[in-house]
Amino acid sequence: MNTTLLFMGIGTQEFLFLALIILLLFGGKKIPELMKGIGKGVRSFKEGMNEVEDNLKETYQKKEETTSNEKKEK
């Protein structure tokens, strides 16, 4: 009755064991700070990815405008 969670075959018992080890290593007070830091990192990564996507779209639009202007001139 071992259900697989997440990835790499981690079951319920293994997940609980890992959670207990993390709690013992970092303590109850440090875990919220750790999660807050991870959240900020993920948010920063997403913002960076959005900026790259916006830059690529902008570059593509400028290239299309340039190509359409060249075709109109001919």
PDB file of N, CA and C in Angstrom:
ATOM      1  N   MET A   1       0.835  -1.191   0.000  1.00  0.00           N
ATOM      2  CA  MET A   1       0.000   0.000   0.000  1.00  0.00           C
ATOM      3  C   MET A   1       0.874   1.246   0.000  1.00  0.00           C
ATOM      4  N   ASN A   2       1.974   1.201  -0.691  1.00  0.00           N
ATOM      5  CA  ASN A   2       2.898   2.325  -0.773  1.00  0.00           C
ATOM      6  C   ASN A   2       2.587   3.122  -2.037  1.00  0.00           C
ATOM      7  N   THR A   3       1.972   4.277  -1.871  1.00  0.00           N
ATOM      8  CA  THR A   3       1.640   5.103  -3.032  1.00  0.00           C
ATOM      9  C   THR A   3       2.820   5.992  -3.371  1.00  0.00           C
ATOM     10  N   THR A   4       3.065   6.166  -4.652  1.00  0.00           N
ATOM     11  CA  THR A   4       4.201   6.950  -5.102  1.00  0.00           C
ATOM     12  C   THR A   4       3.811   8.419  -5.199  1.00  0.00           C
ATOM     13  N   LEU A   5       4.613   9.259  -4.581  1.00  0.00           N
ATOM     14  CA  LEU A   5       4.422  10.699  -4.629  1.00  0.00           C
ATOM     15  C   LEU A   5       5.565  11.336  -5.394  1.00  0.00           C
ATOM     16  N   LEU A   6       5.377  12.559  -5.779  1.00  0.00           N
ATOM     17  CA  LEU A   6       6.420  13.375  -6.357  1.00  0.00           C
ATOM     18  C   LEU A   6       7.168  12.680  -7.486  1.00  0.00           C
ATOM     19  N   PHE A   7       8.433  12.343  -7.287  1.00  0.00           N
ATOM     20  CA  PHE A   7       9.262  11.756  -8.333  1.00  0.00           C
ATOM     21  C   PHE A   7      10.223  10.744  -7.716  1.00  0.00           C
ATOM     22  N   MET A   8      10.857   9.993  -8.559  1.00  0.00           N
ATOM     23  CA  MET A   8      11.870   9.006  -8.161  1.00  0.00           C
ATOM     24  C   MET A   8      11.335   7.959  -7.190  1.00  0.00           C
ATOM     25  N   GLY A   9      10.061   7.660  -7.240  1.00  0.00           N
ATOM     26  CA  GLY A   9       9.502   6.604  -6.425  1.00  0.00           C
ATOM     27  C   GLY A   9       9.431   6.909  -4.937  1.00  0.00           C
ATOM     28  N   ILE A  10       9.357   8.175  -4.571  1.00  0.00           N
ATOM     29  CA  ILE A  10       9.257   8.525  -3.152  1.00  0.00           C
ATOM     30  C   ILE A  10       7.833   8.234  -2.685  1.00  0.00           C
ATOM     31  N   GLY A  11       7.714   7.375  -1.698  1.00  0.00           N
ATOM     32  CA  GLY A  11       6.417   7.013  -1.151  1.00  0.00           C
ATOM     33  C   GLY A  11       6.060   7.874   0.049  1.00  0.00           C
ATOM     34  N   THR A  12       4.918   7.577   0.623  1.00  0.00           N
ATOM     35  CA  THR A  12       4.412   8.354   1.754  1.00  0.00           C
ATOM     36  C   THR A  12       5.355   8.258   2.956  1.00  0.00           C
ATOM     37  N   GLN A  13       5.813   7.049   3.264  1.00  0.00           N
ATOM     38  CA  GLN A  13       6.691   6.867   4.412  1.00  0.00           C
ATOM     39  C   GLN A  13       8.015   7.600   4.218  1.00  0.00           C
ATOM     40  N   GLU A  14       8.567   7.535   3.011  1.00  0.00           N
ATOM     41  CA  GLU A  14       9.826   8.217   2.743  1.00  0.00           C
ATOM     42  C   GLU A  14       9.656   9.730   2.849  1.00  0.00           C
ATOM     43  N   PHE A  15       8.533  10.232   2.339  1.00  0.00           N
ATOM     44  CA  PHE A  15       8.254  11.665   2.405  1.00  0.00           C
ATOM     45  C   PHE A  15       8.161  12.135   3.860  1.00  0.00           C
ATOM     46  N   LEU A  16       7.453  11.380   4.685  1.00  0.00           N
ATOM     47  CA  LEU A  16       7.335  11.741   6.105  1.00  0.00           C
ATOM     48  C   LEU A  16       8.685  11.689   6.804  1.00  0.00           C
ATOM     49  N   PHE A  17       9.496  10.696   6.474  1.00  0.00           N
ATOM     50  CA  PHE A  17      10.829  10.579   7.052  1.00  0.00           C
ATOM     51  C   PHE A  17      11.690  11.785   6.666  1.00  0.00           C
ATOM     52  N   LEU A  18      11.644  12.176   5.387  1.00  0.00           N
ATOM     53  CA  LEU A  18      12.406  13.350   4.939  1.00  0.00           C
ATOM     54  C   LEU A  18      11.920  14.616   5.637  1.00  0.00           C
ATOM     55  N   ALA A  19      10.611  14.764   5.784  1.00  0.00           N
ATOM     56  CA  ALA A  19      10.056  15.939   6.462  1.00  0.00           C
ATOM     57  C   ALA A  19      10.540  15.993   7.914  1.00  0.00           C
ATOM     58  N   LEU A  20      10.592  14.847   8.581  1.00  0.00           N
ATOM     59  CA  LEU A  20      11.068  14.796   9.966  1.00  0.00           C
ATOM     60  C   LEU A  20      12.544  15.179  10.044  1.00  0.00           C
ATOM     61  N   ILE A  21      13.359  14.680   9.134  1.00  0.00           N
ATOM     62  CA  ILE A  21      14.796  15.008   9.119  1.00  0.00           C
ATOM     63  C   ILE A  21      14.985  16.510   8.890  1.00  0.00           C
ATOM     64  N   ILE A  22      14.242  17.080   7.946  1.00  0.00           N
ATOM     65  CA  ILE A  22      14.344  18.524   7.670  1.00  0.00           C
ATOM     66  C   ILE A  22      13.946  19.329   8.898  1.00  0.00           C
ATOM     67  N   LEU A  23      12.877  18.897   9.565  1.00  0.00           N
ATOM     68  CA  LEU A  23      12.427  19.583  10.774  1.00  0.00           C
ATOM     69  C   LEU A  23      13.493  19.527  11.860  1.00  0.00           C
ATOM     70  N   LEU A  24      14.142  18.393  12.012  1.00  0.00           N
ATOM     71  CA  LEU A  24      15.194  18.267  13.018  1.00  0.00           C
ATOM     72  C   LEU A  24      16.428  19.099  12.675  1.00  0.00           C
ATOM     73  N   LEU A  25      16.780  19.149  11.383  1.00  0.00           N
ATOM     74  CA  LEU A  25      17.969  19.893  10.978  1.00  0.00           C
ATOM     75  C   LEU A  25      17.787  21.405  11.094  1.00  0.00           C
ATOM     76  N   PHE A  26      16.655  21.897  10.627  1.00  0.00           N
ATOM     77  CA  PHE A  26      16.462  23.344  10.561  1.00  0.00           C
ATOM     78  C   PHE A  26      15.674  23.915  11.726  1.00  0.00           C
ATOM     79  N   GLY A  27      14.911  23.119  12.402  1.00  0.00           N
ATOM     80  CA  GLY A  27      14.094  23.604  13.503  1.00  0.00           C
ATOM     81  C   GLY A  27      12.814  24.237  12.992  1.00  0.00           C
ATOM     82  N   GLY A  28      11.830  24.310  13.844  1.00  0.00           N
ATOM     83  CA  GLY A  28      10.518  24.831  13.468  1.00  0.00           C
ATOM     84  C   GLY A  28      10.517  26.300  13.109  1.00  0.00           C
ATOM     85  N   LYS A  29      11.429  27.072  13.684  1.00  0.00           N
ATOM     86  CA  LYS A  29      11.446  28.514  13.433  1.00  0.00           C
ATOM     87  C   LYS A  29      12.147  28.866  12.122  1.00  0.00           C
ATOM     88  N   LYS A  30      13.076  28.043  11.698  1.00  0.00           N
ATOM     89  CA  LYS A  30      13.851  28.334  10.487  1.00  0.00           C
ATOM     90  C   LYS A  30      13.114  27.943   9.208  1.00  0.00           C
ATOM     91  N   ILE A  31      12.199  26.983   9.291  1.00  0.00           N
ATOM     92  CA  ILE A  31      11.531  26.486   8.085  1.00  0.00           C
ATOM     93  C   ILE A  31      10.718  27.579   7.381  1.00  0.00           C
ATOM     94  N   PRO A  32       9.927  28.398   8.093  1.00  0.00           N
ATOM     95  CA  PRO A  32       9.213  29.467   7.377  1.00  0.00           C
ATOM     96  C   PRO A  32      10.155  30.450   6.671  1.00  0.00           C
ATOM     97  N   GLU A  33      11.283  30.749   7.303  1.00  0.00           N
ATOM     98  CA  GLU A  33      12.264  31.640   6.670  1.00  0.00           C
ATOM     99  C   GLU A  33      12.843  30.988   5.417  1.00  0.00           C
ATOM    100  N   LEU A  34      13.120  29.694   5.513  1.00  0.00           N
ATOM    101  CA  LEU A  34      13.648  28.950   4.372  1.00  0.00           C
ATOM    102  C   LEU A  34      12.642  28.942   3.221  1.00  0.00           C
ATOM    103  N   MET A  35      11.379  28.693   3.525  1.00  0.00           N
ATOM    104  CA  MET A  35      10.336  28.671   2.491  1.00  0.00           C
ATOM    105  C   MET A  35      10.140  30.059   1.882  1.00  0.00           C
ATOM    106  N   LYS A  36      10.255  31.097   2.706  1.00  0.00           N
ATOM    107  CA  LYS A  36      10.137  32.464   2.203  1.00  0.00           C
ATOM    108  C   LYS A  36      11.263  32.761   1.220  1.00  0.00           C
ATOM    109  N   GLY A  37      12.463  32.336   1.556  1.00  0.00           N
ATOM    110  CA  GLY A  37      13.605  32.529   0.660  1.00  0.00           C
ATOM    111  C   GLY A  37      13.432  31.772  -0.648  1.00  0.00           C
ATOM    112  N   ILE A  38      12.931  30.552  -0.564  1.00  0.00           N
ATOM    113  CA  ILE A  38      12.691  29.762  -1.777  1.00  0.00           C
ATOM    114  C   ILE A  38      11.622  30.438  -2.624  1.00  0.00           C
ATOM    115  N   GLY A  39      10.581  30.937  -1.991  1.00  0.00           N
ATOM    116  CA  GLY A  39       9.509  31.636  -2.717  1.00  0.00           C
ATOM    117  C   GLY A  39      10.020  32.866  -3.443  1.00  0.00           C
ATOM    118  N   LYS A  40      10.868  33.632  -2.783  1.00  0.00           N
ATOM    119  CA  LYS A  40      11.448  34.815  -3.427  1.00  0.00           C
ATOM    120  C   LYS A  40      12.319  34.417  -4.607  1.00  0.00           C
ATOM    121  N   GLY A  41      13.065  33.340  -4.464  1.00  0.00           N
ATOM    122  CA  GLY A  41      13.912  32.860  -5.556  1.00  0.00           C
ATOM    123  C   GLY A  41      13.091  32.424  -6.759  1.00  0.00           C
ATOM    124  N   VAL A  42      12.005  31.707  -6.503  1.00  0.00           N
ATOM    125  CA  VAL A  42      11.133  31.253  -7.593  1.00  0.00           C
ATOM    126  C   VAL A  42      10.483  32.457  -8.279  1.00  0.00           C
ATOM    127  N   ARG A  43      10.037  33.422  -7.498  1.00  0.00           N
ATOM    128  CA  ARG A  43       9.410  34.630  -8.063  1.00  0.00           C
ATOM    129  C   ARG A  43      10.412  35.388  -8.932  1.00  0.00           C
ATOM    130  N   SER A  44      11.627  35.520  -8.450  1.00  0.00           N
ATOM    131  CA  SER A  44      12.668  36.208  -9.209  1.00  0.00           C
ATOM    132  C   SER A  44      12.969  35.472 -10.509  1.00  0.00           C
ATOM    133  N   PHE A  45      13.017  34.158 -10.452  1.00  0.00           N
ATOM    134  CA  PHE A  45      13.265  33.351 -11.648  1.00  0.00           C
ATOM    135  C   PHE A  45      12.146  33.544 -12.670  1.00  0.00           C
ATOM    136  N   LYS A  46      10.896  33.530 -12.215  1.00  0.00           N
ATOM    137  CA  LYS A  46       9.759  33.720 -13.121  1.00  0.00           C
ATOM    138  C   LYS A  46       9.790  35.106 -13.753  1.00  0.00           C
ATOM    139  N   GLU A  47      10.121  36.125 -12.966  1.00  0.00           N
ATOM    140  CA  GLU A  47      10.212  37.485 -13.512  1.00  0.00           C
ATOM    141  C   GLU A  47      11.303  37.560 -14.571  1.00  0.00           C
ATOM    142  N   GLY A  48      12.424  36.922 -14.319  1.00  0.00           N
ATOM    143  CA  GLY A  48      13.505  36.894 -15.295  1.00  0.00           C
ATOM    144  C   GLY A  48      13.084  36.199 -16.575  1.00  0.00           C
ATOM    145  N   MET A  49      12.371  35.094 -16.444  1.00  0.00           N
ATOM    146  CA  MET A  49      11.891  34.367 -17.626  1.00  0.00           C
ATOM    147  C   MET A  49      10.897  35.219 -18.415  1.00  0.00           C
ATOM    148  N   ASN A  50      10.036  35.943 -17.712  1.00  0.00           N
ATOM    149  CA  ASN A  50       9.075  36.816 -18.392  1.00  0.00           C
ATOM    150  C   ASN A  50       9.793  37.940 -19.138  1.00  0.00           C
ATOM    151  N   GLU A  51      10.846  38.488 -18.548  1.00  0.00           N
ATOM    152  CA  GLU A  51      11.614  39.541 -19.214  1.00  0.00           C
ATOM    153  C   GLU A  51      12.265  39.012 -20.486  1.00  0.00           C
ATOM    154  N   VAL A  52      12.828  37.816 -20.426  1.00  0.00           N
ATOM    155  CA  VAL A  52      13.452  37.220 -21.605  1.00  0.00           C
ATOM    156  C   VAL A  52      12.399  37.000 -22.687  1.00  0.00           C
ATOM    157  N   GLU A  53      11.237  36.489 -22.293  1.00  0.00           N
ATOM    158  CA  GLU A  53      10.156  36.250 -23.253  1.00  0.00           C
ATOM    159  C   GLU A  53       9.699  37.552 -23.896  1.00  0.00           C
ATOM    160  N   ASP A  54       9.544  38.599 -23.090  1.00  0.00           N
ATOM    161  CA  ASP A  54       9.138  39.901 -23.624  1.00  0.00           C
ATOM    162  C   ASP A  54      10.174  40.450 -24.597  1.00  0.00           C
ATOM    163  N   ASN A  55      11.449  40.299 -24.255  1.00  0.00           N
ATOM    164  CA  ASN A  55      12.516  40.772 -25.148  1.00  0.00           C
ATOM    165  C   ASN A  55      12.500  40.021 -26.471  1.00  0.00           C
ATOM    166  N   LEU A  56      12.273  38.719 -26.414  1.00  0.00           N
ATOM    167  CA  LEU A  56      12.213  37.924 -27.642  1.00  0.00           C
ATOM    168  C   LEU A  56      11.026  38.334 -28.504  1.00  0.00           C
ATOM    169  N   LYS A  57       9.874  38.569 -27.879  1.00  0.00           N
ATOM    170  CA  LYS A  57       8.690  39.002 -28.630  1.00  0.00           C
ATOM    171  C   LYS A  57       8.929  40.359 -29.277  1.00  0.00           C
ATOM    172  N   GLU A  58       9.540  41.262 -28.519  1.00  0.00           N
ATOM    173  CA  GLU A  58       9.817  42.604 -29.033  1.00  0.00           C
ATOM    174  C   GLU A  58      10.777  42.534 -30.215  1.00  0.00           C
ATOM    175  N   THR A  59      11.800  41.733 -30.098  1.00  0.00           N
ATOM    176  CA  THR A  59      12.766  41.574 -31.186  1.00  0.00           C
ATOM    177  C   THR A  59      12.095  40.974 -32.416  1.00  0.00           C
ATOM    178  N   TYR A  60      11.241  39.995 -32.222  1.00  0.00           N
ATOM    179  CA  TYR A  60      10.532  39.358 -33.331  1.00  0.00           C
ATOM    180  C   TYR A  60       9.614  40.361 -34.029  1.00  0.00           C
ATOM    181  N   GLN A  61       8.909  41.191 -33.244  1.00  0.00           N
ATOM    182  CA  GLN A  61       8.004  42.190 -33.827  1.00  0.00           C
ATOM    183  C   GLN A  61       8.788  43.222 -34.632  1.00  0.00           C
ATOM    184  N   LYS A  62       9.924  43.667 -34.127  1.00  0.00           N
ATOM    185  CA  LYS A  62      10.751  44.630 -34.860  1.00  0.00           C
ATOM    186  C   LYS A  62      11.247  44.018 -36.165  1.00  0.00           C
ATOM    187  N   LYS A  63      11.617  42.743 -36.120  1.00  0.00           N
ATOM    188  CA  LYS A  63      12.093  42.065 -37.323  1.00  0.00           C
ATOM    189  C   LYS A  63      10.970  41.959 -38.348  1.00  0.00           C
ATOM    190  N   GLU A  64       9.748  41.637 -37.892  1.00  0.00           N
ATOM    191  CA  GLU A  64       8.609  41.560 -38.806  1.00  0.00           C
ATOM    192  C   GLU A  64       8.306  42.920 -39.425  1.00  0.00           C
ATOM    193  N   GLU A  65       8.365  43.984 -38.614  1.00  0.00           N
ATOM    194  CA  GLU A  65       8.112  45.336 -39.125  1.00  0.00           C
ATOM    195  C   GLU A  65       9.147  45.714 -40.174  1.00  0.00           C
ATOM    196  N   THR A  66      10.387  45.398 -39.912  1.00  0.00           N
ATOM    197  CA  THR A  66      11.465  45.705 -40.856  1.00  0.00           C
ATOM    198  C   THR A  66      11.256  44.944 -42.168  1.00  0.00           C
ATOM    199  N   THR A  67      10.893  43.676 -42.063  1.00  0.00           N
ATOM    200  CA  THR A  67      10.679  42.866 -43.250  1.00  0.00           C
ATOM    201  C   THR A  67       9.487  43.370 -44.039  1.00  0.00           C
ATOM    202  N   SER A  68       8.395  43.744 -43.353  1.00  0.00           N
ATOM    203  CA  SER A  68       7.211  44.237 -44.068  1.00  0.00           C
ATOM    204  C   SER A  68       7.495  45.599 -44.722  1.00  0.00           C
ATOM    205  N   ASN A  69       8.291  46.440 -44.075  1.00  0.00           N
ATOM    206  CA  ASN A  69       8.652  47.738 -44.672  1.00  0.00           C
ATOM    207  C   ASN A  69       9.509  47.553 -45.897  1.00  0.00           C
ATOM    208  N   GLU A  70      10.422  46.606 -45.883  1.00  0.00           N
ATOM    209  CA  GLU A  70      11.274  46.335 -47.036  1.00  0.00           C
ATOM    210  C   GLU A  70      10.450  45.820 -48.212  1.00  0.00           C
ATOM    211  N   LYS A  71       9.435  45.003 -47.942  1.00  0.00           N
ATOM    212  CA  LYS A  71       8.586  44.467 -48.999  1.00  0.00           C
ATOM    213  C   LYS A  71       7.739  45.581 -49.626  1.00  0.00           C
ATOM    214  N   LYS A  72       7.287  46.538 -48.794  1.00  0.00           N
ATOM    215  CA  LYS A  72       6.480  47.646 -49.295  1.00  0.00           C
ATOM    216  C   LYS A  72       7.305  48.574 -50.185  1.00  0.00           C
ATOM    217  N   GLU A  73       8.580  48.709 -49.873  1.00  0.00           N
ATOM    218  CA  GLU A  73       9.462  49.586 -50.653  1.00  0.00           C
ATOM    219  C   GLU A  73       9.732  49.015 -52.038  1.00  0.00           C
ATOM    220  N   LYS A  74       9.697  47.715 -52.193  1.00  0.00           N
ATOM    221  CA  LYS A  74       9.981  47.082 -53.477  1.00  0.00           C
ATOM    222  C   LYS A  74       8.795  47.166 -54.354  1.00  0.00           C
TER     223      LYS A  74
END
